């Protein structure tokens, strides 16, 4: 999970860097945002699975 959190932070910082001087609709900004979204979705899915596993163990 820590690798995923680290990747999220890297992608977030990259998106901020790419965004400088560009609009939110710039193709590079959109691509960076979409890449971050994918990893955030993976993280959310992992959290949901852990929560479900914990709930079932109780």
N, C-alpha and C. Protein backbone atom coordinates (compact mmCIF):
# COMPACT_ATOMS: atom_id res chain seq x y z
N UNK A 1 0.83 -1.19 0.00
CA UNK A 1 0.00 0.00 0.00
C UNK A 1 0.88 1.26 0.00
N UNK A 2 2.01 1.20 0.65
CA UNK A 2 2.89 2.38 0.71
C UNK A 2 3.42 2.75 -0.68
N UNK A 3 3.66 1.74 -1.52
CA UNK A 3 4.10 2.03 -2.89
C UNK A 3 3.04 2.81 -3.65
N UNK A 4 1.80 2.43 -3.43
CA UNK A 4 0.69 3.10 -4.10
C UNK A 4 0.55 4.54 -3.60
N UNK A 5 0.69 4.74 -2.31
CA UNK A 5 0.63 6.09 -1.75
C UNK A 5 1.76 6.94 -2.30
N UNK A 6 2.94 6.36 -2.39
CA UNK A 6 4.09 7.09 -2.94
C UNK A 6 3.83 7.46 -4.40
N UNK A 7 3.28 6.53 -5.16
CA UNK A 7 2.96 6.78 -6.58
C UNK A 7 1.93 7.90 -6.71
N UNK A 8 0.93 7.90 -5.84
CA UNK A 8 -0.08 8.96 -5.86
C UNK A 8 0.58 10.32 -5.64
N UNK A 9 1.45 10.38 -4.67
CA UNK A 9 2.13 11.65 -4.38
C UNK A 9 2.99 12.10 -5.57
N UNK A 10 3.70 11.16 -6.19
CA UNK A 10 4.52 11.50 -7.36
C UNK A 10 3.66 12.05 -8.49
N UNK A 11 2.54 11.38 -8.75
CA UNK A 11 1.66 11.81 -9.84
C UNK A 11 0.99 13.15 -9.52
N UNK A 12 0.67 13.36 -8.26
CA UNK A 12 0.07 14.62 -7.85
C UNK A 12 1.04 15.78 -8.07
N UNK A 13 2.29 15.58 -7.65
CA UNK A 13 3.30 16.62 -7.83
C UNK A 13 3.58 16.86 -9.32
N UNK A 14 3.58 15.79 -10.09
CA UNK A 14 3.79 15.91 -11.53
C UNK A 14 2.66 16.71 -12.18
N UNK A 15 1.44 16.45 -11.76
CA UNK A 15 0.31 17.17 -12.32
C UNK A 15 0.39 18.66 -11.98
N UNK A 16 0.79 18.98 -10.77
CA UNK A 16 0.95 20.38 -10.37
C UNK A 16 2.01 21.05 -11.24
N UNK A 17 3.11 20.35 -11.46
CA UNK A 17 4.19 20.88 -12.28
C UNK A 17 3.72 21.11 -13.72
N UNK A 18 3.02 20.14 -14.28
CA UNK A 18 2.53 20.25 -15.65
C UNK A 18 1.51 21.38 -15.77
N UNK A 19 0.69 21.58 -14.75
CA UNK A 19 -0.38 22.58 -14.78
C UNK A 19 0.14 24.01 -14.84
N UNK A 20 1.34 24.26 -14.34
CA UNK A 20 1.88 25.62 -14.29
C UNK A 20 1.82 26.27 -15.67
N UNK A 21 1.09 27.38 -15.75
CA UNK A 21 1.01 28.14 -16.98
C UNK A 21 0.08 27.56 -18.03
N UNK A 22 -0.67 26.55 -17.68
CA UNK A 22 -1.59 25.91 -18.64
C UNK A 22 -3.00 25.91 -18.07
N UNK A 23 -3.95 25.74 -18.96
CA UNK A 23 -5.34 25.65 -18.52
C UNK A 23 -5.65 24.22 -18.11
N UNK A 24 -6.74 24.05 -17.38
CA UNK A 24 -7.14 22.71 -16.96
C UNK A 24 -7.57 21.84 -18.15
N UNK A 25 -7.85 22.48 -19.27
CA UNK A 25 -8.27 21.72 -20.44
C UNK A 25 -7.11 21.38 -21.38
N UNK A 26 -5.91 21.78 -21.01
CA UNK A 26 -4.73 21.45 -21.81
C UNK A 26 -4.59 19.92 -21.85
N UNK A 27 -4.34 19.35 -23.02
CA UNK A 27 -4.24 17.89 -23.15
C UNK A 27 -3.24 17.24 -22.20
N UNK A 28 -2.12 17.90 -21.94
CA UNK A 28 -1.12 17.32 -21.03
C UNK A 28 -1.61 17.32 -19.58
N UNK A 29 -2.33 18.37 -19.22
CA UNK A 29 -2.90 18.44 -17.87
C UNK A 29 -3.97 17.37 -17.72
N UNK A 30 -4.79 17.22 -18.71
CA UNK A 30 -5.84 16.19 -18.68
C UNK A 30 -5.23 14.80 -18.58
N UNK A 31 -4.19 14.54 -19.35
CA UNK A 31 -3.54 13.22 -19.31
C UNK A 31 -2.94 12.94 -17.94
N UNK A 32 -2.29 13.94 -17.35
CA UNK A 32 -1.71 13.77 -16.01
C UNK A 32 -2.81 13.53 -14.98
N UNK A 33 -3.90 14.25 -15.11
CA UNK A 33 -5.02 14.09 -14.19
C UNK A 33 -5.65 12.70 -14.32
N UNK A 34 -5.79 12.22 -15.53
CA UNK A 34 -6.36 10.90 -15.75
C UNK A 34 -5.46 9.80 -15.19
N UNK A 35 -4.16 9.97 -15.34
CA UNK A 35 -3.23 8.98 -14.79
C UNK A 35 -3.34 8.95 -13.27
N UNK A 36 -3.42 10.12 -12.66
CA UNK A 36 -3.59 10.19 -11.21
C UNK A 36 -4.92 9.56 -10.80
N UNK A 37 -5.97 9.85 -11.53
CA UNK A 37 -7.29 9.27 -11.24
C UNK A 37 -7.25 7.75 -11.23
N UNK A 38 -6.56 7.15 -12.18
CA UNK A 38 -6.47 5.69 -12.25
C UNK A 38 -5.83 5.11 -10.99
N UNK A 39 -4.75 5.75 -10.55
CA UNK A 39 -4.06 5.25 -9.37
C UNK A 39 -4.90 5.50 -8.12
N UNK A 40 -5.58 6.64 -8.06
CA UNK A 40 -6.48 6.90 -6.93
C UNK A 40 -7.61 5.88 -6.89
N UNK A 41 -8.12 5.49 -8.04
CA UNK A 41 -9.15 4.46 -8.11
C UNK A 41 -8.63 3.12 -7.57
N UNK A 42 -7.40 2.78 -7.92
CA UNK A 42 -6.79 1.54 -7.42
C UNK A 42 -6.67 1.58 -5.90
N UNK A 43 -6.26 2.73 -5.39
CA UNK A 43 -6.10 2.91 -3.95
C UNK A 43 -7.46 2.77 -3.25
N UNK A 44 -8.47 3.43 -3.79
CA UNK A 44 -9.82 3.35 -3.22
C UNK A 44 -10.33 1.91 -3.23
N UNK A 45 -10.10 1.22 -4.32
CA UNK A 45 -10.52 -0.18 -4.42
C UNK A 45 -9.83 -1.04 -3.36
N UNK A 46 -8.55 -0.80 -3.15
CA UNK A 46 -7.80 -1.54 -2.15
C UNK A 46 -8.36 -1.27 -0.75
N UNK A 47 -8.68 -0.01 -0.47
CA UNK A 47 -9.25 0.32 0.83
C UNK A 47 -10.61 -0.34 1.03
N UNK A 48 -11.41 -0.37 -0.01
CA UNK A 48 -12.72 -1.00 0.09
C UNK A 48 -12.60 -2.50 0.34
N UNK A 49 -11.64 -3.14 -0.32
CA UNK A 49 -11.43 -4.58 -0.12
C UNK A 49 -10.96 -4.86 1.31
N UNK A 50 -10.08 -4.00 1.83
CA UNK A 50 -9.60 -4.18 3.20
C UNK A 50 -10.75 -3.99 4.19
N UNK A 51 -11.58 -3.01 3.92
CA UNK A 51 -12.72 -2.75 4.79
C UNK A 51 -13.68 -3.93 4.78
N UNK A 52 -13.94 -4.46 3.61
CA UNK A 52 -14.84 -5.61 3.47
C UNK A 52 -14.25 -6.83 4.18
N UNK A 53 -12.96 -7.04 4.02
CA UNK A 53 -12.29 -8.17 4.67
C UNK A 53 -12.39 -8.03 6.18
N UNK A 54 -12.17 -6.83 6.68
CA UNK A 54 -12.27 -6.57 8.12
C UNK A 54 -13.69 -6.83 8.61
N UNK A 55 -14.67 -6.36 7.84
CA UNK A 55 -16.07 -6.53 8.23
C UNK A 55 -16.45 -8.02 8.30
N UNK A 56 -15.96 -8.78 7.33
CA UNK A 56 -16.27 -10.22 7.29
C UNK A 56 -15.58 -10.99 8.42
N UNK A 57 -14.45 -10.50 8.86
CA UNK A 57 -13.72 -11.18 9.93
C UNK A 57 -14.35 -10.96 11.30
N UNK A 58 -15.20 -9.99 11.42
CA UNK A 58 -15.80 -9.67 12.72
C UNK A 58 -16.90 -10.57 13.02
